[in-house]
Amino acid sequence: MVSEQPSAVEADPRFTRSRRAIADTLADLMERTQSCPSVSALAEAAGIHRATFYNHFDSVEEAAVYVIADDFRALHDLNIRDRRMGADPTAVAVATLNAMLDSLRQRKSLFLLASTWRSSSGLMGIGDLLLEQLHALRRDLGVDEQESGANNSVEDVYTASGVHGVFSAAVGGNTDCDPGEIAVRLYELLPQWIRQPPESSTH
């Protein structure tokens, strides 16, 4: 969701408007009611037909992942911008993780709903989204397989799963750990190519 380029259908303004309506309405309903709406209720509140919902998503849970992906996409863009401006990679990574955690805490009910969705990759909830974000980082930082390691796909899955696990404990659990400390611990889970990317990848 972060790294994919829009298809011709997705680039259609009508498609974009209806998807945006679904996402915004779901976020609003979850914030107000703290409960998952049915597809029919969500479609009615968004002002679309039920069939239109299924043109975009297979379930409300998948739509919840999309809302979170939208938040993460903006943070990804800031991450890349700051790195290209010469900011310290460690500071940027920790700040991004802290912002992601803060975003998820603000959308706790949405995050818990998204956590029940299983993607085609087999990862639960936003694990697949985190995996896509790693792929997008590799692309935008210009890190190829040789630089990041021959087993980068396995490494990415482990990283995404680990980060997702910490997010789940920090957002859905009863932990009272300092968010900044959690971000530092999350940083330690990241692969070396993110923490200290090749010099050429930051320009």
C-alpha atoms as a PDB file:
ATOM      1  CA  MET A   1       0.000   0.000   0.000  1.00  0.00           C
ATOM      2  CA  VAL A   2       2.904   2.322   0.590  1.00  0.00           C
ATOM      3  CA  SER A   3       5.049   1.305  -2.317  1.00  0.00           C
ATOM      4  CA  GLU A   4       2.530   0.415  -4.998  1.00  0.00           C
ATOM      5  CA  GLN A   5       2.052   2.746  -7.939  1.00  0.00           C
ATOM      6  CA  PRO A   6      -1.620   3.503  -8.688  1.00  0.00           C
ATOM      7  CA  SER A   7      -3.223   1.628 -11.573  1.00  0.00           C
ATOM      8  CA  ALA A   8      -5.243   3.354 -14.271  1.00  0.00           C
ATOM      9  CA  VAL A   9      -8.441   2.583 -12.354  1.00  0.00           C
ATOM     10  CA  GLU A  10      -7.013   3.872  -9.071  1.00  0.00           C
ATOM     11  CA  ALA A  11      -5.928   7.077 -10.800  1.00  0.00           C
ATOM     12  CA  ASP A  12      -9.550   7.783 -11.806  1.00  0.00           C
ATOM     13  CA  PRO A  13     -10.821  10.745  -9.714  1.00  0.00           C
ATOM     14  CA  ARG A  14     -14.118   8.952  -9.002  1.00  0.00           C
ATOM     15  CA  PHE A  15     -12.276   5.919  -7.678  1.00  0.00           C
ATOM     16  CA  THR A  16     -10.069   8.151  -5.538  1.00  0.00           C
ATOM     17  CA  ARG A  17     -13.048  10.067  -4.137  1.00  0.00           C
ATOM     18  CA  SER A  18     -15.002   6.964  -3.170  1.00  0.00           C
ATOM     19  CA  ARG A  19     -11.959   5.321  -1.571  1.00  0.00           C
ATOM     20  CA  ARG A  20     -11.211   8.519   0.327  1.00  0.00           C
ATOM     21  CA  ALA A  21     -14.838   8.672   1.488  1.00  0.00           C
ATOM     22  CA  ILE A  22     -14.660   5.103   2.787  1.00  0.00           C
ATOM     23  CA  ALA A  23     -11.383   5.716   4.618  1.00  0.00           C
ATOM     24  CA  ASP A  24     -12.440   9.013   6.185  1.00  0.00           C
ATOM     25  CA  THR A  25     -15.841   7.667   7.208  1.00  0.00           C
ATOM     26  CA  LEU A  26     -14.368   4.540   8.767  1.00  0.00           C
ATOM     27  CA  ALA A  27     -11.825   6.572  10.731  1.00  0.00           C
ATOM     28  CA  ASP A  28     -14.588   8.880  11.963  1.00  0.00           C
ATOM     29  CA  LEU A  29     -16.958   6.057  12.919  1.00  0.00           C
ATOM     30  CA  MET A  30     -14.252   4.138  14.757  1.00  0.00           C
ATOM     31  CA  GLU A  31     -13.222   7.238  16.680  1.00  0.00           C
ATOM     32  CA  ARG A  32     -16.804   8.027  17.703  1.00  0.00           C
ATOM     33  CA  THR A  33     -18.162   4.546  18.388  1.00  0.00           C
ATOM     34  CA  GLN A  34     -15.036   2.474  19.135  1.00  0.00           C
ATOM     35  CA  SER A  35     -16.721  -0.417  17.325  1.00  0.00           C
ATOM     36  CA  CYS A  36     -16.476  -1.953  13.880  1.00  0.00           C
ATOM     37  CA  PRO A  37     -19.305  -0.955  11.527  1.00  0.00           C
ATOM     38  CA  SER A  38     -20.818  -3.406   9.077  1.00  0.00           C
ATOM     39  CA  VAL A  39     -20.066  -2.939   5.399  1.00  0.00           C
ATOM     40  CA  SER A  40     -23.654  -1.780   4.857  1.00  0.00           C
ATOM     41  CA  ALA A  41     -23.476   0.783   7.670  1.00  0.00           C
ATOM     42  CA  LEU A  42     -20.094   2.054   6.492  1.00  0.00           C
ATOM     43  CA  ALA A  43     -21.243   2.346   2.880  1.00  0.00           C
ATOM     44  CA  GLU A  44     -24.391   4.217   3.899  1.00  0.00           C
ATOM     45  CA  ALA A  45     -22.444   6.628   6.104  1.00  0.00           C
ATOM     46  CA  ALA A  46     -19.923   7.212   3.303  1.00  0.00           C
ATOM     47  CA  GLY A  47     -22.701   7.892   0.794  1.00  0.00           C
ATOM     48  CA  ILE A  48     -21.801   5.036  -1.540  1.00  0.00           C
ATOM     49  CA  HIS A  49     -23.380   1.774  -2.647  1.00  0.00           C
ATOM     50  CA  ARG A  50     -22.428  -1.408  -0.823  1.00  0.00           C
ATOM     51  CA  ALA A  51     -21.106  -2.832  -4.094  1.00  0.00           C
ATOM     52  CA  THR A  52     -18.822   0.179  -4.458  1.00  0.00           C
ATOM     53  CA  PHE A  53     -17.169  -0.691  -1.156  1.00  0.00           C
ATOM     54  CA  TYR A  54     -16.194  -4.081  -2.559  1.00  0.00           C
ATOM     55  CA  ASN A  55     -14.614  -2.401  -5.578  1.00  0.00           C
ATOM     56  CA  HIS A  56     -12.036  -1.100  -3.108  1.00  0.00           C
ATOM     57  CA  PHE A  57     -11.768  -3.551  -0.223  1.00  0.00           C
ATOM     58  CA  ASP A  58     -12.636  -7.132   0.633  1.00  0.00           C
ATOM     59  CA  SER A  59     -13.531  -6.274   4.225  1.00  0.00           C
ATOM     60  CA  VAL A  60     -13.798  -3.468   6.756  1.00  0.00           C
ATOM     61  CA  GLU A  61     -10.595  -4.806   8.305  1.00  0.00           C
ATOM     62  CA  GLU A  62      -8.716  -4.268   5.055  1.00  0.00           C
ATOM     63  CA  ALA A  63     -10.127  -0.740   4.848  1.00  0.00           C
ATOM     64  CA  ALA A  64      -8.743  -0.101   8.341  1.00  0.00           C
ATOM     65  CA  VAL A  65      -5.291  -1.138   7.146  1.00  0.00           C
ATOM     66  CA  TYR A  66      -5.637   1.329   4.268  1.00  0.00           C
ATOM     67  CA  VAL A  67      -6.351   4.197   6.679  1.00  0.00           C
ATOM     68  CA  ILE A  68      -3.200   3.383   8.634  1.00  0.00           C
ATOM     69  CA  ALA A  69      -1.252   3.021   5.378  1.00  0.00           C
ATOM     70  CA  ASP A  70      -2.258   6.555   4.478  1.00  0.00           C
ATOM     71  CA  ASP A  71      -0.788   7.829   7.755  1.00  0.00           C
ATOM     72  CA  PHE A  72       2.390   5.826   7.257  1.00  0.00           C
ATOM     73  CA  ARG A  73       2.776   7.032   3.672  1.00  0.00           C
ATOM     74  CA  ALA A  74       3.043  10.630   4.865  1.00  0.00           C
ATOM     75  CA  LEU A  75       5.619   9.642   7.498  1.00  0.00           C
ATOM     76  CA  HIS A  76       7.587   7.707   4.888  1.00  0.00           C
ATOM     77  CA  ASP A  77       7.775  10.791   2.672  1.00  0.00           C
ATOM     78  CA  LEU A  78       9.047  12.893   5.592  1.00  0.00           C
ATOM     79  CA  ASN A  79      11.606  10.207   6.427  1.00  0.00           C
ATOM     80  CA  ILE A  80      13.025  10.220   2.900  1.00  0.00           C
ATOM     81  CA  ARG A  81      12.985  14.018   2.682  1.00  0.00           C
ATOM     82  CA  ASP A  82      14.902  14.441   5.933  1.00  0.00           C
ATOM     83  CA  ARG A  83      17.482  11.819   4.978  1.00  0.00           C
ATOM     84  CA  ARG A  84      18.066  13.472   1.609  1.00  0.00           C
ATOM     85  CA  MET A  85      18.535  16.801   3.377  1.00  0.00           C
ATOM     86  CA  GLY A  86      21.409  15.269   5.319  1.00  0.00           C
ATOM     87  CA  ALA A  87      19.724  14.544   8.652  1.00  0.00           C
ATOM     88  CA  ASP A  88      21.278  11.881  10.862  1.00  0.00           C
ATOM     89  CA  PRO A  89      19.794   8.482   9.830  1.00  0.00           C
ATOM     90  CA  THR A  90      19.484   7.347  13.447  1.00  0.00           C
ATOM     91  CA  ALA A  91      17.605  10.465  14.515  1.00  0.00           C
ATOM     92  CA  VAL A  92      15.314  10.246  11.486  1.00  0.00           C
ATOM     93  CA  ALA A  93      14.550   6.555  12.033  1.00  0.00           C
ATOM     94  CA  VAL A  94      13.787   6.974  15.744  1.00  0.00           C
ATOM     95  CA  ALA A  95      11.629  10.040  15.072  1.00  0.00           C
ATOM     96  CA  THR A  96       9.705   8.169  12.374  1.00  0.00           C
ATOM     97  CA  LEU A  97       9.106   5.166  14.633  1.00  0.00           C
ATOM     98  CA  ASN A  98       7.963   7.484  17.425  1.00  0.00           C
ATOM     99  CA  ALA A  99       5.558   9.231  15.039  1.00  0.00           C
ATOM    100  CA  MET A 100       4.220   5.877  13.807  1.00  0.00           C
ATOM    101  CA  LEU A 101       3.618   4.751  17.378  1.00  0.00           C
ATOM    102  CA  ASP A 102       1.885   8.020  18.244  1.00  0.00           C
ATOM    103  CA  SER A 103      -0.314   7.723  15.154  1.00  0.00           C
ATOM    104  CA  LEU A 104      -1.337   4.169  16.076  1.00  0.00           C
ATOM    105  CA  ARG A 105      -2.117   5.148  19.655  1.00  0.00           C
ATOM    106  CA  GLN A 106      -4.372   7.925  18.405  1.00  0.00           C
ATOM    107  CA  ARG A 107      -6.160   5.376  16.215  1.00  0.00           C
ATOM    108  CA  LYS A 108      -6.135   2.526  18.733  1.00  0.00           C
ATOM    109  CA  SER A 109      -9.552   1.081  17.856  1.00  0.00           C
ATOM    110  CA  LEU A 110      -8.704   1.247  14.158  1.00  0.00           C
ATOM    111  CA  PHE A 111      -5.349  -0.438  14.790  1.00  0.00           C
ATOM    112  CA  LEU A 112      -6.984  -3.249  16.764  1.00  0.00           C
ATOM    113  CA  LEU A 113      -9.464  -3.767  13.928  1.00  0.00           C
ATOM    114  CA  ALA A 114      -6.679  -3.765  11.335  1.00  0.00           C
ATOM    115  CA  SER A 115      -4.761  -6.303  13.416  1.00  0.00           C
ATOM    116  CA  THR A 116      -7.355  -8.972  12.613  1.00  0.00           C
ATOM    117  CA  TRP A 117      -6.773  -8.752   8.849  1.00  0.00           C
ATOM    118  CA  ARG A 118      -4.603 -11.394   7.183  1.00  0.00           C
ATOM    119  CA  SER A 119      -2.951 -10.343   3.946  1.00  0.00           C
ATOM    120  CA  SER A 120      -1.903 -12.458   0.993  1.00  0.00           C
ATOM    121  CA  SER A 121       1.638 -12.508   2.415  1.00  0.00           C
ATOM    122  CA  GLY A 122       0.375 -14.360   5.477  1.00  0.00           C
ATOM    123  CA  LEU A 123       1.269 -11.561   7.879  1.00  0.00           C
ATOM    124  CA  MET A 124      -1.439 -10.323  10.206  1.00  0.00           C
ATOM    125  CA  GLY A 125      -2.715  -6.771  10.403  1.00  0.00           C
ATOM    126  CA  ILE A 126      -0.262  -4.039   9.564  1.00  0.00           C
ATOM    127  CA  GLY A 127       2.602  -6.534   9.358  1.00  0.00           C
ATOM    128  CA  ASP A 128       2.102  -6.594   5.596  1.00  0.00           C
ATOM    129  CA  LEU A 129       1.989  -2.803   5.538  1.00  0.00           C
ATOM    130  CA  LEU A 130       5.282  -2.644   7.434  1.00  0.00           C
ATOM    131  CA  LEU A 131       6.763  -5.104   4.950  1.00  0.00           C
ATOM    132  CA  GLU A 132       5.707  -2.861   2.075  1.00  0.00           C
ATOM    133  CA  GLN A 133       7.212   0.114   3.874  1.00  0.00           C
ATOM    134  CA  LEU A 134      10.555  -1.672   4.089  1.00  0.00           C
ATOM    135  CA  HIS A 135      10.405  -2.332   0.349  1.00  0.00           C
ATOM    136  CA  ALA A 136       9.582   1.332  -0.274  1.00  0.00           C
ATOM    137  CA  LEU A 137      12.500   2.440   1.900  1.00  0.00           C
ATOM    138  CA  ARG A 138      14.875   0.182   0.003  1.00  0.00           C
ATOM    139  CA  ARG A 139      13.600   1.604  -3.272  1.00  0.00           C
ATOM    140  CA  ASP A 140      13.701   5.254  -2.228  1.00  0.00           C
ATOM    141  CA  LEU A 141      17.071   4.972  -0.507  1.00  0.00           C
ATOM    142  CA  GLY A 142      18.510   3.251  -3.566  1.00  0.00           C
ATOM    143  CA  VAL A 143      19.636   0.217  -1.574  1.00  0.00           C
ATOM    144  CA  ASP A 144      19.944  -2.849  -3.781  1.00  0.00           C
ATOM    145  CA  GLU A 145      20.004  -6.503  -2.781  1.00  0.00           C
ATOM    146  CA  GLN A 146      23.795  -6.692  -2.812  1.00  0.00           C
ATOM    147  CA  GLU A 147      24.058  -3.842  -0.310  1.00  0.00           C
ATOM    148  CA  SER A 148      21.251  -4.977   1.973  1.00  0.00           C
ATOM    149  CA  GLY A 149      22.035  -8.679   1.893  1.00  0.00           C
ATOM    150  CA  ALA A 150      21.115 -11.666  -0.234  1.00  0.00           C
ATOM    151  CA  ASN A 151      18.424 -12.753   2.230  1.00  0.00           C
ATOM    152  CA  ASN A 152      16.729  -9.357   2.422  1.00  0.00           C
ATOM    153  CA  SER A 153      13.255 -10.809   1.857  1.00  0.00           C
ATOM    154  CA  VAL A 154      13.599 -13.030   4.919  1.00  0.00           C
ATOM    155  CA  GLU A 155      15.150 -10.188   6.891  1.00  0.00           C
ATOM    156  CA  ASP A 156      12.290  -7.883   5.928  1.00  0.00           C
ATOM    157  CA  VAL A 157       9.666 -10.371   7.101  1.00  0.00           C
ATOM    158  CA  TYR A 158      11.413 -10.807  10.449  1.00  0.00           C
ATOM    159  CA  THR A 159      11.776  -7.040  10.830  1.00  0.00           C
ATOM    160  CA  ALA A 160       8.142  -6.343   9.921  1.00  0.00           C
ATOM    161  CA  SER A 161       6.919  -9.063  12.283  1.00  0.00           C
ATOM    162  CA  GLY A 162       9.087  -7.805  15.126  1.00  0.00           C
ATOM    163  CA  VAL A 163       8.068  -4.173  14.727  1.00  0.00           C
ATOM    164  CA  HIS A 164       4.415  -5.195  14.464  1.00  0.00           C
ATOM    165  CA  GLY A 165       4.724  -7.191  17.673  1.00  0.00           C
ATOM    166  CA  VAL A 166       6.139  -4.234  19.580  1.00  0.00           C
ATOM    167  CA  PHE A 167       3.475  -1.916  18.169  1.00  0.00           C
ATOM    168  CA  SER A 168       0.774  -4.377  19.225  1.00  0.00           C
ATOM    169  CA  ALA A 169       2.108  -4.561  22.775  1.00  0.00           C
ATOM    170  CA  ALA A 170       2.580  -0.799  23.028  1.00  0.00           C
ATOM    171  CA  VAL A 171      -0.800   0.142  21.553  1.00  0.00           C
ATOM    172  CA  GLY A 172      -3.074  -2.740  22.490  1.00  0.00           C
ATOM    173  CA  GLY A 173      -1.419  -3.794  25.728  1.00  0.00           C
ATOM    174  CA  ASN A 174      -1.177  -2.183  29.121  1.00  0.00           C
ATOM    175  CA  THR A 175       2.444  -1.119  28.863  1.00  0.00           C
ATOM    176  CA  ASP A 176       3.285   2.236  30.397  1.00  0.00           C
ATOM    177  CA  CYS A 177       6.726   2.445  28.804  1.00  0.00           C
ATOM    178  CA  ASP A 178       7.889   5.823  27.580  1.00  0.00           C
ATOM    179  CA  PRO A 179       7.125   6.187  23.838  1.00  0.00           C
ATOM    180  CA  GLY A 180      10.620   7.501  23.204  1.00  0.00           C
ATOM    181  CA  GLU A 181      12.128   4.422  24.842  1.00  0.00           C
ATOM    182  CA  ILE A 182       9.887   2.151  22.775  1.00  0.00           C
ATOM    183  CA  ALA A 183      11.022   3.926  19.599  1.00  0.00           C
ATOM    184  CA  VAL A 184      14.658   3.349  20.544  1.00  0.00           C
ATOM    185  CA  ARG A 185      13.961  -0.353  21.116  1.00  0.00           C
ATOM    186  CA  LEU A 186      12.152  -0.543  17.795  1.00  0.00           C
ATOM    187  CA  TYR A 187      15.148   1.061  16.119  1.00  0.00           C
ATOM    188  CA  GLU A 188      17.299  -1.823  17.316  1.00  0.00           C
ATOM    189  CA  LEU A 189      15.096  -4.197  15.296  1.00  0.00           C
ATOM    190  CA  LEU A 190      15.816  -2.398  12.029  1.00  0.00           C
ATOM    191  CA  PRO A 191      18.314  -3.832   9.523  1.00  0.00           C
ATOM    192  CA  GLN A 192      21.683  -2.167   9.157  1.00  0.00           C
ATOM    193  CA  TRP A 193      20.908  -0.715   5.730  1.00  0.00           C
ATOM    194  CA  ILE A 194      18.164   1.455   7.271  1.00  0.00           C
ATOM    195  CA  ARG A 195      20.173   2.512  10.299  1.00  0.00           C
ATOM    196  CA  GLN A 196      23.275   3.401   8.314  1.00  0.00           C
ATOM    197  CA  PRO A 197      22.448   3.398   4.584  1.00  0.00           C
ATOM    198  CA  PRO A 198      25.234   3.667   1.993  1.00  0.00           C
ATOM    199  CA  GLU A 199      26.409   7.248   1.560  1.00  0.00           C
ATOM    200  CA  SER A 200      25.182   7.381  -2.031  1.00  0.00           C
ATOM    201  CA  SER A 201      21.619   6.446  -1.046  1.00  0.00           C
ATOM    202  CA  THR A 202      20.975   9.659   0.875  1.00  0.00           C
ATOM    203  CA  HIS A 203      21.468  11.944  -2.113  1.00  0.00           C
END
